[in-house]
């Protein structure tokens, strides 16, 4: 059951805490929910700001990746809208992206962070500097996930406009598209103007998600980015082929095509079969033309005669194959001969093995 703790005036507010044991591990350790962290007026200001920014994004006035919207087959009719400030999160790689791709915090978000830190809902030494705003419509969702380990803990989410539960746990069951149920976890109700703080096991081990919403909802997720010199682990860069994946890097793409802007093919890239045959024919044509004193660029008579004779041989071979019945009979004879030779080899091996045993 949720527990409410009394806190000292100088200590951070405890809020409502939760617990769920998965074996010997409390998956919800470090999870706290604070209600009424902002006023209704402050909520209305934030709602107006988010809706205005999303409208600009739909018109193309906010460019990617500041404004993103779920679309395509993978979204499963989920059209959740996202706005990012402070730090870019690469959804394709599920990790922090390159810095400087999205604008810094606008004044209204700086005001929100100042309020949450001053009221001690968030620790001052882990002041958030990146934000993802999600605007949900009816039926929209966010699948189970764990925030990337490079972000400082705790991570917090402010709920506006609507009340939806957040599922937190280690295992989930898919009920239908965009809907999950925790098989090892809990559904945490998130009232309007509430702040959910995920630290400890709840932020590092447990997954969290929001199933299909019953109506409009807005969430503001606040996180502190990793240091500017942070780089992803090598395991996150290895692609399917075993090499380092550098999708989106124009320099690496250009190097794959040419060597530093030249038209030379990279030495380690092998030619295709057809290219090898063409190269071989060109070499043969060049040697023959040098012997006969012809120009290397022009095809020699010998090469032309050779190619014509090969075409004639192929044509005559196809013509002399006979009827389908005869071809089947010939193939059957060949197969039986092969099987007879295999049986003879097996028999010799058995005899040799028997002789060695004696």
Protein backbone atom coordinates (compact mmCIF):
# COMPACT_ATOMS: atom_id res chain seq x y z
CA UNK A 1 0.00 0.00 0.00
CA UNK A 2 1.19 3.56 -0.62
CA UNK A 3 2.77 5.21 2.39
CA UNK A 4 2.76 8.90 3.32
CA UNK A 5 5.68 10.06 5.42
CA UNK A 6 5.85 13.15 7.58
CA UNK A 7 8.85 15.28 6.77
CA UNK A 8 10.77 17.90 8.70
CA UNK A 9 10.28 21.50 7.41
CA UNK A 10 13.94 21.65 6.25
CA UNK A 11 13.95 18.19 4.63
CA UNK A 12 12.64 17.45 1.13
CA UNK A 13 8.96 16.43 0.98
CA UNK A 14 8.61 12.67 1.20
CA UNK A 15 5.44 12.35 -0.85
CA UNK A 16 3.78 8.99 -1.37
CA UNK A 17 6.14 6.03 -1.63
CA UNK A 18 5.50 2.56 -3.04
CA UNK A 19 6.90 -0.93 -2.72
CA UNK A 20 6.76 -4.10 -4.82
CA UNK A 21 9.03 -7.08 -4.23
CA UNK A 22 10.37 -9.09 -7.17
CA UNK A 23 12.09 -11.88 -5.31
CA UNK A 24 14.40 -10.11 -2.87
CA UNK A 25 14.48 -6.82 -4.84
CA UNK A 26 12.09 -3.93 -4.17
CA UNK A 27 11.43 -2.75 -7.74
CA UNK A 28 9.73 0.48 -6.57
CA UNK A 29 12.46 1.58 -4.16
CA UNK A 30 13.17 5.27 -4.75
CA UNK A 31 9.75 5.99 -6.30
CA UNK A 32 7.83 8.95 -4.88
CA UNK A 33 4.69 10.77 -6.00
CA UNK A 34 3.99 14.36 -4.94
CA UNK A 35 0.55 15.87 -5.43
CA UNK A 36 -0.37 19.49 -6.14
CA UNK A 37 3.22 20.58 -6.76
CA UNK A 38 2.02 23.57 -8.84
CA UNK A 39 -1.05 25.78 -8.77
CA UNK A 40 -3.95 25.60 -11.24
CA UNK A 41 -2.86 28.93 -12.75
CA UNK A 42 0.66 27.59 -13.31
CA UNK A 43 -0.81 24.42 -14.86
CA UNK A 44 -2.94 26.45 -17.26
CA UNK A 45 0.13 28.47 -18.33
CA UNK A 46 2.06 25.30 -19.06
CA UNK A 47 -0.87 23.71 -20.95
CA UNK A 48 -1.27 26.83 -23.10
CA UNK A 49 2.47 26.86 -23.86
CA UNK A 50 2.57 23.17 -24.85
CA UNK A 51 -0.52 23.36 -27.04
CA UNK A 52 0.83 26.46 -28.80
CA UNK A 53 4.19 24.80 -29.47
CA UNK A 54 2.55 21.61 -30.78
CA UNK A 55 0.37 23.68 -33.12
CA UNK A 56 3.53 25.36 -34.45
CA UNK A 57 5.13 21.95 -34.92
CA UNK A 58 2.20 20.66 -36.94
CA UNK A 59 2.45 23.74 -39.19
CA UNK A 60 6.18 23.20 -39.70
CA UNK A 61 7.22 26.25 -37.70
CA UNK A 62 9.10 24.03 -35.23
CA UNK A 63 11.67 21.92 -37.08
CA UNK A 64 12.87 18.42 -36.29
CA UNK A 65 14.09 17.21 -33.88
CA UNK A 66 12.60 19.91 -31.61
CA UNK A 67 9.12 18.72 -32.61
CA UNK A 68 8.44 15.06 -33.38
CA UNK A 69 5.26 13.08 -33.89
CA UNK A 70 4.84 9.31 -33.82
CA UNK A 71 3.87 7.96 -37.23
CA UNK A 72 4.25 4.92 -39.48
CA UNK A 73 3.61 1.22 -38.98
CA UNK A 74 5.72 1.01 -35.80
CA UNK A 75 3.56 3.59 -34.02
CA UNK A 76 0.45 1.34 -34.17
CA UNK A 77 -1.90 4.35 -34.58
CA UNK A 78 -0.09 6.13 -31.74
CA UNK A 79 0.18 9.83 -32.69
CA UNK A 80 1.82 11.16 -29.54
CA UNK A 81 3.47 14.57 -30.04
CA UNK A 82 6.89 15.33 -28.53
CA UNK A 83 8.80 18.58 -27.98
CA UNK A 84 12.41 18.60 -26.77
CA UNK A 85 14.36 21.37 -25.07
CA UNK A 86 17.85 21.50 -23.59
CA UNK A 87 19.05 18.13 -24.85
CA UNK A 88 18.23 15.93 -27.84
CA UNK A 89 17.18 12.33 -27.18
CA UNK A 90 17.75 9.98 -30.12
CA UNK A 91 14.67 7.73 -30.15
CA UNK A 92 16.13 5.51 -32.90
CA UNK A 93 19.15 4.62 -30.77
CA UNK A 94 17.38 5.06 -27.39
CA UNK A 95 20.19 7.20 -25.98
CA UNK A 96 21.24 10.86 -25.69
CA UNK A 97 22.00 12.42 -29.05
CA UNK A 98 24.28 15.17 -30.26
CA UNK A 99 24.21 18.39 -28.25
CA UNK A 100 22.99 21.64 -29.75
CA UNK A 101 20.27 20.13 -31.96
CA UNK A 102 17.38 21.49 -29.89
CA UNK A 103 16.91 24.95 -28.31
CA UNK A 104 17.66 25.61 -24.62
CA UNK A 105 14.99 25.85 -21.94
CA UNK A 106 12.48 28.65 -22.57
CA UNK A 107 11.74 30.95 -19.60
CA UNK A 108 8.54 29.07 -18.69
CA UNK A 109 10.49 25.82 -18.18
CA UNK A 110 13.27 27.58 -16.27
CA UNK A 111 10.57 28.94 -13.98
CA UNK A 112 9.15 25.44 -13.48
CA UNK A 113 12.55 23.94 -12.63
CA UNK A 114 13.32 26.81 -10.21
CA UNK A 115 10.02 26.14 -8.45
CA UNK A 116 10.55 22.38 -8.14
CA UNK A 117 14.12 22.79 -6.88
CA UNK A 118 13.24 25.59 -4.42
CA UNK A 119 10.42 23.47 -2.96
CA UNK A 120 12.92 20.58 -2.69
CA UNK A 121 10.89 18.22 -4.85
CA UNK A 122 14.10 17.83 -6.90
CA UNK A 123 17.68 17.91 -5.55
CA UNK A 124 19.64 21.04 -6.42
CA UNK A 125 22.77 19.05 -7.35
CA UNK A 126 20.81 17.17 -10.05
CA UNK A 127 19.12 20.19 -11.58
CA UNK A 128 17.40 19.13 -14.84
CA UNK A 129 18.79 20.61 -18.07
CA UNK A 130 16.84 18.57 -20.64
CA UNK A 131 13.13 18.11 -21.15
CA UNK A 132 10.76 15.98 -23.24
CA UNK A 133 7.17 17.18 -23.40
CA UNK A 134 4.63 14.56 -24.47
CA UNK A 135 1.12 15.51 -25.58
CA UNK A 136 -1.21 12.52 -25.62
CA UNK A 137 -4.60 12.26 -27.27
CA UNK A 138 -7.15 9.54 -26.65
CA UNK A 139 -5.58 6.15 -27.42
CA UNK A 140 -1.96 7.39 -27.42
CA UNK A 141 0.64 5.57 -25.32
CA UNK A 142 4.33 5.15 -24.55
CA UNK A 143 5.74 1.57 -24.43
CA UNK A 144 7.66 0.01 -21.49
CA UNK A 145 11.22 1.31 -21.22
CA UNK A 146 14.03 2.26 -18.85
CA UNK A 147 15.59 5.70 -19.28
CA UNK A 148 19.18 5.56 -20.52
CA UNK A 149 21.69 4.96 -17.74
CA UNK A 150 23.76 8.03 -18.70
CA UNK A 151 21.06 10.38 -17.36
CA UNK A 152 21.48 11.38 -13.74
CA UNK A 153 18.93 10.07 -11.27
CA UNK A 154 16.31 10.93 -10.18
CA UNK A 155 14.14 11.50 -13.24
CA UNK A 156 10.83 13.29 -12.78
CA UNK A 157 7.55 13.56 -14.71
CA UNK A 158 4.94 16.28 -14.20
CA UNK A 159 1.36 15.34 -15.21
CA UNK A 160 -1.01 17.96 -16.65
CA UNK A 161 -4.49 18.14 -18.17
CA UNK A 162 -5.50 14.50 -17.58
CA UNK A 163 -5.10 11.70 -15.06
CA UNK A 164 -3.61 8.41 -16.27
CA UNK A 165 -1.79 5.66 -14.35
CA UNK A 166 1.86 4.92 -15.01
CA UNK A 167 2.78 1.24 -14.95
CA UNK A 168 6.06 0.57 -13.16
CA UNK A 169 7.63 -2.88 -12.80
CA UNK A 170 9.91 -5.51 -14.30
CA UNK A 171 7.49 -7.47 -16.50
CA UNK A 172 4.42 -6.52 -18.51
CA UNK A 173 1.77 -8.38 -20.50
CA UNK A 174 0.51 -7.00 -23.79
CA UNK A 175 -3.28 -6.84 -23.62
CA UNK A 176 -3.71 -5.37 -27.10
CA UNK A 177 -2.07 -2.75 -29.28
CA UNK A 178 -0.82 0.14 -27.12
CA UNK A 179 -2.15 -1.44 -23.89
CA UNK A 180 -0.16 -3.29 -21.22
CA UNK A 181 -0.76 -4.79 -17.81
CA UNK A 182 1.98 -5.30 -15.19
CA UNK A 183 2.61 -8.95 -14.35
CA UNK A 184 5.34 -7.91 -11.92
CA UNK A 185 4.76 -4.31 -10.90
CA UNK A 186 2.12 -1.73 -10.03
CA UNK A 187 -0.09 0.90 -11.63
CA UNK A 188 0.70 4.28 -10.06
CA UNK A 189 -2.10 6.85 -10.41
CA UNK A 190 -0.88 10.26 -11.59
CA UNK A 191 -3.35 13.03 -10.72
CA UNK A 192 -3.22 16.41 -12.43
CA UNK A 193 -0.39 18.66 -11.18
CA UNK A 194 1.40 15.67 -9.61
CA UNK A 195 5.15 14.99 -9.87
CA UNK A 196 6.44 11.42 -10.09
CA UNK A 197 10.10 11.07 -9.09
CA UNK A 198 11.95 7.93 -10.21
CA UNK A 199 15.16 7.18 -8.34
CA UNK A 200 16.87 4.12 -6.94
CA UNK A 201 15.58 0.81 -8.32
CA UNK A 202 12.49 2.45 -9.81
CA UNK A 203 14.69 4.59 -12.06
CA UNK A 204 17.55 2.18 -12.73
CA UNK A 205 15.97 -1.29 -12.95
CA UNK A 206 12.19 -1.05 -13.28
CA UNK A 207 10.52 -0.24 -16.59
CA UNK A 208 7.67 2.24 -16.87
CA UNK A 209 5.00 2.92 -19.47
CA UNK A 210 1.64 4.57 -20.09
CA UNK A 211 -1.10 2.51 -21.76
CA UNK A 212 -3.63 3.96 -24.19
CA UNK A 213 -4.92 7.18 -22.63
CA UNK A 214 -8.61 7.67 -21.96
CA UNK A 215 -8.39 11.33 -22.94
CA UNK A 216 -5.98 14.22 -23.53
CA UNK A 217 -2.92 14.35 -21.29
CA UNK A 218 0.40 16.24 -21.12
CA UNK A 219 3.55 15.09 -19.37
CA UNK A 220 6.77 17.04 -18.85
CA UNK A 221 9.75 14.76 -18.20
CA UNK A 222 12.78 16.49 -16.70
CA UNK A 223 16.28 14.96 -16.73
CA UNK A 224 19.88 16.01 -16.19
CA UNK A 225 22.06 15.20 -19.20
CA UNK A 226 25.38 13.33 -19.04
CA UNK A 227 28.56 15.47 -19.16
CA UNK A 228 29.44 17.15 -22.49
CA UNK A 229 32.36 14.74 -23.05
CA UNK A 230 30.13 11.68 -22.58
CA UNK A 231 30.33 9.07 -25.31
CA UNK A 232 28.14 5.97 -25.77
CA UNK A 233 29.54 2.61 -24.79
CA UNK A 234 31.16 0.59 -27.59
CA UNK A 235 28.40 -2.02 -27.26
CA UNK A 236 25.87 0.64 -28.30
CA UNK A 237 27.82 1.43 -31.47
CA UNK A 238 28.24 -2.11 -32.82
CA UNK A 239 25.89 -2.82 -35.71
CA UNK A 240 24.52 -6.09 -36.99
CA UNK A 241 27.54 -6.72 -39.20
CA UNK A 242 29.98 -6.45 -36.31
CA UNK A 243 31.27 -3.04 -37.40
CA UNK A 244 30.67 0.29 -35.76
CA UNK A 245 27.36 1.78 -36.84
CA UNK A 246 27.55 5.49 -37.62
CA UNK A 247 24.12 6.18 -39.08
CA UNK A 248 23.52 9.81 -39.80
CA UNK A 249 27.23 10.64 -40.00
CA UNK A 250 27.72 12.25 -43.40
CA UNK A 251 31.51 12.00 -43.18
CA UNK A 252 31.46 8.24 -42.66
CA UNK A 253 28.96 7.85 -45.50
CA UNK A 254 31.18 9.82 -47.88
CA UNK A 255 34.18 7.71 -46.92
CA UNK A 256 32.26 4.57 -47.77
CA UNK A 257 31.72 5.84 -51.29
CA UNK A 258 35.15 7.32 -52.01
CA UNK A 259 38.51 7.85 -50.34
CA UNK A 260 38.58 11.44 -49.00
CA UNK A 261 36.76 13.01 -51.92
CA UNK A 262 38.59 11.11 -54.71
CA UNK A 263 36.93 8.77 -57.18
CA UNK A 264 39.04 5.80 -56.13
CA UNK A 265 37.29 2.75 -54.79
CA UNK A 266 38.40 1.81 -51.24
CA UNK A 267 41.10 -0.85 -51.39
CA UNK A 268 39.40 -3.13 -48.88
CA UNK A 269 36.14 -3.26 -50.86
CA UNK A 270 35.98 -6.29 -53.18
CA UNK A 271 34.53 -6.18 -56.68
CA UNK A 272 31.31 -7.92 -57.57
CA UNK A 273 31.34 -11.04 -59.77
CA UNK A 274 30.16 -9.22 -62.88
CA UNK A 275 32.71 -6.45 -62.34
CA UNK A 276 35.50 -9.03 -62.06
CA UNK A 277 34.42 -10.65 -65.33
CA UNK A 278 34.32 -7.30 -67.11
CA UNK A 279 37.76 -6.44 -65.78
CA UNK A 280 39.14 -9.77 -66.95
CA UNK A 281 37.65 -9.36 -70.42
CA UNK A 282 39.09 -5.85 -70.69
CA UNK A 283 42.55 -7.13 -69.77
CA UNK A 284 42.31 -9.95 -72.31
CA UNK A 285 41.13 -7.54 -75.00
CA UNK A 286 43.99 -5.16 -74.23
CA UNK A 287 46.66 -7.89 -74.44
CA UNK A 288 45.33 -9.21 -77.76
CA UNK A 289 45.11 -5.73 -79.26
CA UNK A 290 48.72 -5.02 -78.19
CA UNK A 291 49.91 -8.20 -79.95
CA UNK A 292 48.07 -7.30 -83.17
CA UNK A 293 48.99 -3.60 -82.94
CA UNK A 294 45.38 -2.43 -82.52
CA UNK A 295 44.14 0.34 -80.25
CA UNK A 296 43.42 -0.90 -76.71
CA UNK A 297 40.03 0.82 -76.58
CA UNK A 298 38.64 -1.01 -79.65
CA UNK A 299 37.48 -4.64 -79.47
CA UNK A 300 39.73 -7.04 -81.38
CA UNK A 301 38.55 -9.38 -84.10
CA UNK A 302 39.71 -12.40 -82.09
CA UNK A 303 37.66 -11.30 -79.08
CA UNK A 304 34.59 -10.72 -81.24
CA UNK A 305 35.04 -14.09 -82.97
CA UNK A 306 35.51 -15.78 -79.60
CA UNK A 307 32.35 -14.24 -78.18
CA UNK A 308 30.36 -15.18 -81.30
CA UNK A 309 31.60 -18.76 -81.15
CA UNK A 310 30.69 -19.01 -77.46
CA UNK A 311 27.18 -17.75 -78.17
CA UNK A 312 26.86 -20.29 -81.01
CA UNK A 313 28.10 -23.09 -78.75
CA UNK A 314 25.57 -22.17 -76.06
CA UNK A 315 22.76 -22.04 -78.61
CA UNK A 316 23.67 -25.38 -80.13
CA UNK A 317 23.99 -26.93 -76.69
CA UNK A 318 20.47 -25.84 -75.79
CA UNK A 319 19.11 -27.16 -79.07
CA UNK A 320 20.82 -30.57 -78.74
CA UNK A 321 19.45 -31.28 -75.27
CA UNK A 322 16.61 -33.34 -76.65
CA UNK A 323 13.07 -33.74 -75.41
CA UNK A 324 12.14 -33.34 -71.71
CA UNK A 325 11.61 -37.10 -71.40
CA UNK A 326 15.13 -37.81 -72.69
CA UNK A 327 16.64 -35.23 -70.36
CA UNK A 328 14.88 -36.76 -67.34
CA UNK A 329 16.13 -40.20 -68.34
CA UNK A 330 19.69 -38.91 -68.73
CA UNK A 331 19.58 -37.18 -65.34
CA UNK A 332 18.22 -40.31 -63.70
CA UNK A 333 21.08 -42.36 -65.15
CA UNK A 334 23.65 -39.83 -63.92
CA UNK A 335 22.16 -39.82 -60.42
CA UNK A 336 22.13 -43.60 -60.21
CA UNK A 337 25.78 -43.71 -61.30
CA UNK A 338 26.71 -41.20 -58.61
CA UNK A 339 24.88 -43.20 -55.95
CA UNK A 340 26.61 -46.39 -57.07
CA UNK A 341 30.01 -44.72 -56.71
CA UNK A 342 29.09 -43.45 -53.23
CA UNK A 343 27.97 -46.92 -52.16
CA UNK A 344 31.22 -48.42 -53.42
CA UNK A 345 33.29 -45.91 -51.44
CA UNK A 346 31.29 -46.61 -48.27
CA UNK A 347 31.80 -50.35 -48.72
CA UNK A 348 35.57 -49.90 -49.11
CA UNK A 349 35.70 -47.85 -45.92
CA UNK A 350 33.80 -50.52 -43.99
CA UNK A 351 36.14 -53.26 -45.24
CA UNK A 352 39.21 -51.19 -44.34
CA UNK A 353 37.81 -50.57 -40.85
CA UNK A 354 37.07 -54.26 -40.36
CA UNK A 355 40.60 -55.20 -41.50
CA UNK A 356 42.19 -52.77 -39.07
CA UNK A 357 40.14 -54.24 -36.19
CA UNK A 358 41.40 -57.76 -36.99
